[in-house]
Amino acid sequence: MKEVVLDTETTGLLVKDGHRIVEIGCIELNDLVPTKKVFHCYLNPERKVSDKAFEVHGYSDEFLSDKKKFFEIADEFLEFISDKKIIIHNAEFDIGHLNNELTIIGKNKINKSNVVDTLELARNKFPGSGISLDALCKRFRIDNSRRKKHTALIDCELLSKVYINLIDQKEPKLNLNNDISVNKNFEEKNLNYNKKIILPTAEEINDHNEFLKKNLKKNFFN
């Protein structure tokens, strides 16, 4: 099954205050294994980045000024996520901003029923514990030393590992269908072996009894 781990960075927290997306990062997974297919772009938000947002991701107005606008990458982005489950940490934030961008350019919104929120998974799995991405990396011993700032692709890489741990799949599942015939033959051989009963000979029984007599007498008198 193909999934997409997704993260965004924005000019600020609230859509209602006119904040926009400045970065989108996506990593494709196939049966929980990265496929090397990645979608990434910086965006010109057509407004100033708030001071608090700049502290989080470090993308300045000057840096973003010559980047593409959302409408220029929208079709490519939608094609990348099409027909795939979307994995997001704090999905309400990212989907809210993405659907705002899509609404502005007259595109259909992303269906929330196709989204898995790892924040909710973590909240249910570890009630009362820290469930930020950094806290989960620490819990699962995932190296997040490269996360000096919040950047979409690095966050996606970390989240893909967190997600696998949250759903208790430490390693990708192996397909053993090709080994069925081998396993069947192995089992049949072992079943036949276990059915074979080898009885001791009369000489072996006599030797065993003599051994017991000698050792019992020795232990008794010592």
Protein backbone atom coordinates (compact mmCIF):
# COMPACT_ATOMS: atom_id res chain seq x y z
CA MET A 1 0.00 0.00 0.00
CA LYS A 2 1.31 3.43 -0.94
CA GLU A 3 1.27 6.25 1.58
CA VAL A 4 2.62 9.81 1.66
CA VAL A 5 4.26 11.38 4.69
CA LEU A 6 3.57 15.12 4.46
CA ASP A 7 4.66 18.28 6.24
CA THR A 8 4.30 22.01 5.62
CA GLU A 9 5.86 25.21 6.94
CA THR A 10 3.88 28.44 6.96
CA THR A 11 4.06 32.20 7.54
CA GLY A 12 2.13 31.77 10.80
CA LEU A 13 -0.33 29.64 12.69
CA LEU A 14 -3.80 30.74 11.66
CA VAL A 15 -5.48 30.58 8.27
CA LYS A 16 -8.08 33.11 9.47
CA ASP A 17 -5.27 35.64 9.90
CA GLY A 18 -4.27 35.20 6.27
CA HIS A 19 -1.23 33.01 6.81
CA ARG A 20 0.05 30.98 3.87
CA ILE A 21 2.30 28.01 3.10
CA VAL A 22 6.01 28.58 2.46
CA GLU A 23 7.20 24.96 2.11
CA ILE A 24 5.71 21.55 1.29
CA GLY A 25 7.54 18.27 1.73
CA CYS A 26 6.29 14.76 0.88
CA ILE A 27 7.92 11.32 1.02
CA GLU A 28 6.25 8.32 -0.59
CA LEU A 29 6.13 4.98 1.24
CA ASN A 30 5.28 1.62 -0.25
CA ASP A 31 4.46 -0.97 2.42
CA LEU A 32 6.18 1.38 4.91
CA VAL A 33 9.41 1.52 2.88
CA PRO A 34 10.50 4.85 1.29
CA THR A 35 10.34 4.60 -2.51
CA LYS A 36 12.78 7.48 -3.23
CA LYS A 37 9.86 9.46 -4.71
CA VAL A 38 9.81 12.87 -3.08
CA PHE A 39 7.86 16.07 -3.62
CA HIS A 40 9.40 19.27 -2.26
CA CYS A 41 9.07 22.96 -2.93
CA TYR A 42 9.50 26.38 -1.33
CA LEU A 43 6.71 28.83 -2.02
CA ASN A 44 6.27 32.58 -2.28
CA PRO A 45 3.42 33.18 0.21
CA GLU A 46 2.71 36.66 -1.15
CA ARG A 47 2.82 38.07 2.36
CA LYS A 48 5.35 38.58 5.15
CA VAL A 49 6.57 35.75 7.37
CA SER A 50 5.70 36.33 11.03
CA ASP A 51 8.54 36.68 13.53
CA LYS A 52 7.47 33.53 15.38
CA ALA A 53 7.32 31.48 12.18
CA PHE A 54 10.76 32.74 11.13
CA GLU A 55 12.14 31.54 14.48
CA VAL A 56 10.73 28.08 13.75
CA HIS A 57 11.87 27.51 10.14
CA GLY A 58 14.24 30.39 9.30
CA TYR A 59 12.79 31.20 5.84
CA SER A 60 13.03 34.93 5.28
CA ASP A 61 10.83 37.10 3.04
CA GLU A 62 13.87 37.70 0.82
CA PHE A 63 14.57 33.97 0.45
CA LEU A 64 10.94 33.21 -0.48
CA SER A 65 10.40 36.20 -2.79
CA ASP A 66 11.57 34.48 -5.99
CA LYS A 67 9.98 31.08 -5.31
CA LYS A 68 6.97 29.68 -7.16
CA LYS A 69 3.46 30.45 -6.00
CA PHE A 70 1.11 27.70 -4.88
CA PHE A 71 -1.03 27.75 -8.03
CA GLU A 72 2.08 26.95 -10.09
CA ILE A 73 2.78 23.68 -8.26
CA ALA A 74 -0.76 22.68 -7.26
CA ASP A 75 -1.39 20.13 -10.02
CA GLU A 76 1.96 18.42 -9.52
CA PHE A 77 1.37 18.28 -5.76
CA LEU A 78 -2.16 16.86 -6.14
CA GLU A 79 -0.91 14.23 -8.57
CA PHE A 80 1.78 13.16 -6.09
CA ILE A 81 -0.69 12.59 -3.25
CA SER A 82 -3.48 11.17 -5.43
CA ASP A 83 -5.02 7.87 -4.25
CA LYS A 84 -2.62 7.57 -1.32
CA LYS A 85 -3.14 7.64 2.42
CA ILE A 86 -1.58 10.83 3.84
CA ILE A 87 0.42 10.67 7.08
CA ILE A 88 0.69 13.98 8.97
CA HIS A 89 1.67 15.00 12.49
CA ASN A 90 -1.01 17.43 13.70
CA ALA A 91 -3.06 17.04 10.53
CA GLU A 92 -5.56 19.76 11.43
CA PHE A 93 -2.84 22.39 10.97
CA ASP A 94 -1.38 21.16 7.66
CA ILE A 95 -4.69 20.17 6.04
CA GLY A 96 -6.24 23.47 7.12
CA HIS A 97 -3.50 25.43 5.36
CA LEU A 98 -3.44 23.17 2.29
CA ASN A 99 -7.21 23.34 1.85
CA ASN A 100 -7.05 27.12 2.21
CA GLU A 101 -4.50 27.28 -0.61
CA LEU A 102 -6.62 24.96 -2.76
CA THR A 103 -9.75 27.01 -2.10
CA ILE A 104 -7.97 30.22 -3.14
CA ILE A 105 -7.22 28.77 -6.58
CA GLY A 106 -10.57 27.02 -6.98
CA LYS A 107 -9.39 23.41 -6.47
CA ASN A 108 -11.15 20.65 -4.52
CA LYS A 109 -10.14 20.28 -0.90
CA ILE A 110 -8.21 17.28 0.44
CA ASN A 111 -10.56 14.72 1.96
CA LYS A 112 -9.73 14.40 5.67
CA SER A 113 -10.98 10.81 5.72
CA ASN A 114 -7.87 9.86 3.75
CA VAL A 115 -5.54 11.35 6.38
CA VAL A 116 -3.83 9.61 9.32
CA ASP A 117 -2.90 12.00 12.13
CA THR A 118 0.12 10.63 14.01
CA LEU A 119 -0.53 13.17 16.78
CA GLU A 120 -3.82 11.39 17.49
CA LEU A 121 -2.14 7.98 17.26
CA ALA A 122 0.47 9.10 19.79
CA ARG A 123 -2.14 10.67 22.09
CA ASN A 124 -4.08 7.41 22.20
CA LYS A 125 -0.98 5.26 22.59
CA PHE A 126 0.77 7.37 25.23
CA PRO A 127 -1.88 9.35 27.15
CA GLY A 128 -0.38 12.05 29.33
CA SER A 129 3.08 11.80 27.73
CA GLY A 130 4.90 14.16 25.38
CA ILE A 131 3.69 13.65 21.82
CA SER A 132 5.59 16.29 19.85
CA LEU A 133 7.73 15.00 16.99
CA ASP A 134 10.89 15.58 19.04
CA ALA A 135 9.40 13.78 22.07
CA LEU A 136 8.41 10.78 19.94
CA CYS A 137 11.85 10.65 18.33
CA LYS A 138 13.35 10.50 21.82
CA ARG A 139 10.89 7.79 22.92
CA PHE A 140 11.67 5.62 19.89
CA ARG A 141 15.40 6.44 19.90
CA ILE A 142 15.29 8.06 16.48
CA ASP A 143 18.20 10.39 15.76
CA ASN A 144 16.80 13.89 15.21
CA SER A 145 20.09 15.78 15.56
CA ARG A 146 19.70 17.27 12.05
CA ARG A 147 16.50 19.02 13.12
CA LYS A 148 18.01 22.38 14.03
CA LYS A 149 15.02 24.14 12.44
CA HIS A 150 11.62 22.87 11.31
CA THR A 151 12.11 21.95 7.65
CA ALA A 152 9.50 19.95 5.75
CA LEU A 153 11.64 17.16 4.31
CA ILE A 154 13.64 16.45 7.46
CA ASP A 155 10.40 16.41 9.44
CA CYS A 156 8.94 13.96 6.91
CA GLU A 157 11.93 11.65 7.24
CA LEU A 158 11.62 11.64 11.03
CA LEU A 159 7.85 11.24 10.92
CA SER A 160 8.08 8.23 8.61
CA LYS A 161 10.18 6.45 11.27
CA VAL A 162 7.91 7.59 14.10
CA TYR A 163 4.85 6.38 12.19
CA ILE A 164 6.28 2.88 11.74
CA ASN A 165 6.94 2.68 15.48
CA LEU A 166 3.50 4.05 16.38
CA ILE A 167 1.76 1.30 14.44
CA ASP A 168 4.10 -1.33 15.91
CA GLN A 169 5.77 -2.26 12.65
CA LYS A 170 9.46 -2.18 13.57
CA GLU A 171 10.47 -3.73 10.27
CA PRO A 172 8.67 -3.93 6.90
CA LYS A 173 6.63 -7.10 6.61
CA LEU A 174 8.30 -9.82 4.56
CA ASN A 175 6.41 -11.69 1.88
CA LEU A 176 7.00 -15.37 2.53
CA ASN A 177 4.57 -16.69 -0.07
CA ASN A 178 7.42 -17.88 -2.27
CA ASP A 179 8.71 -20.06 0.57
CA ILE A 180 5.44 -21.92 1.19
CA SER A 181 6.52 -25.06 -0.68
CA VAL A 182 9.89 -25.09 1.09
CA ASN A 183 8.25 -24.67 4.50
CA LYS A 184 5.70 -27.39 3.68
CA ASN A 185 8.41 -29.88 2.77
CA PHE A 186 10.33 -28.97 5.90
CA GLU A 187 7.27 -29.47 8.09
CA GLU A 188 6.42 -32.80 6.45
CA LYS A 189 9.93 -34.11 7.02
CA ASN A 190 9.82 -33.06 10.66
CA LEU A 191 6.38 -34.59 11.17
CA ASN A 192 7.58 -37.90 9.71
CA TYR A 193 10.68 -37.77 11.88
CA ASN A 194 8.63 -37.13 15.01
CA LYS A 195 6.34 -40.05 14.18
CA LYS A 196 9.27 -42.48 14.05
CA ILE A 197 9.67 -44.23 17.44
CA ILE A 198 12.95 -46.08 18.09
CA LEU A 199 12.73 -48.73 20.85
CA PRO A 200 15.82 -49.80 22.87
CA THR A 201 17.21 -53.29 22.33
CA ALA A 202 17.19 -55.97 25.06
CA GLU A 203 20.95 -55.49 25.51
CA GLU A 204 20.55 -51.73 25.94
CA ILE A 205 17.80 -52.25 28.56
CA ASN A 206 20.00 -54.71 30.48
CA ASP A 207 22.99 -52.32 30.42
CA HIS A 208 20.78 -49.50 31.65
CA ASN A 209 19.44 -51.57 34.56
CA GLU A 210 22.94 -52.65 35.60
CA PHE A 211 24.05 -48.99 35.50
CA LEU A 212 21.18 -47.95 37.79
CA LYS A 213 21.89 -50.76 40.30
CA LYS A 214 25.56 -49.85 40.63
CA ASN A 215 24.91 -46.12 41.03
CA LEU A 216 22.02 -46.55 43.47
CA LYS A 217 24.13 -48.88 45.67
CA LYS A 218 27.11 -46.49 45.52
CA ASN A 219 25.04 -43.43 46.45
CA PHE A 220 23.18 -45.29 49.23
CA PHE A 221 26.29 -46.55 51.06
CA ASN A 222 28.29 -43.33 50.58
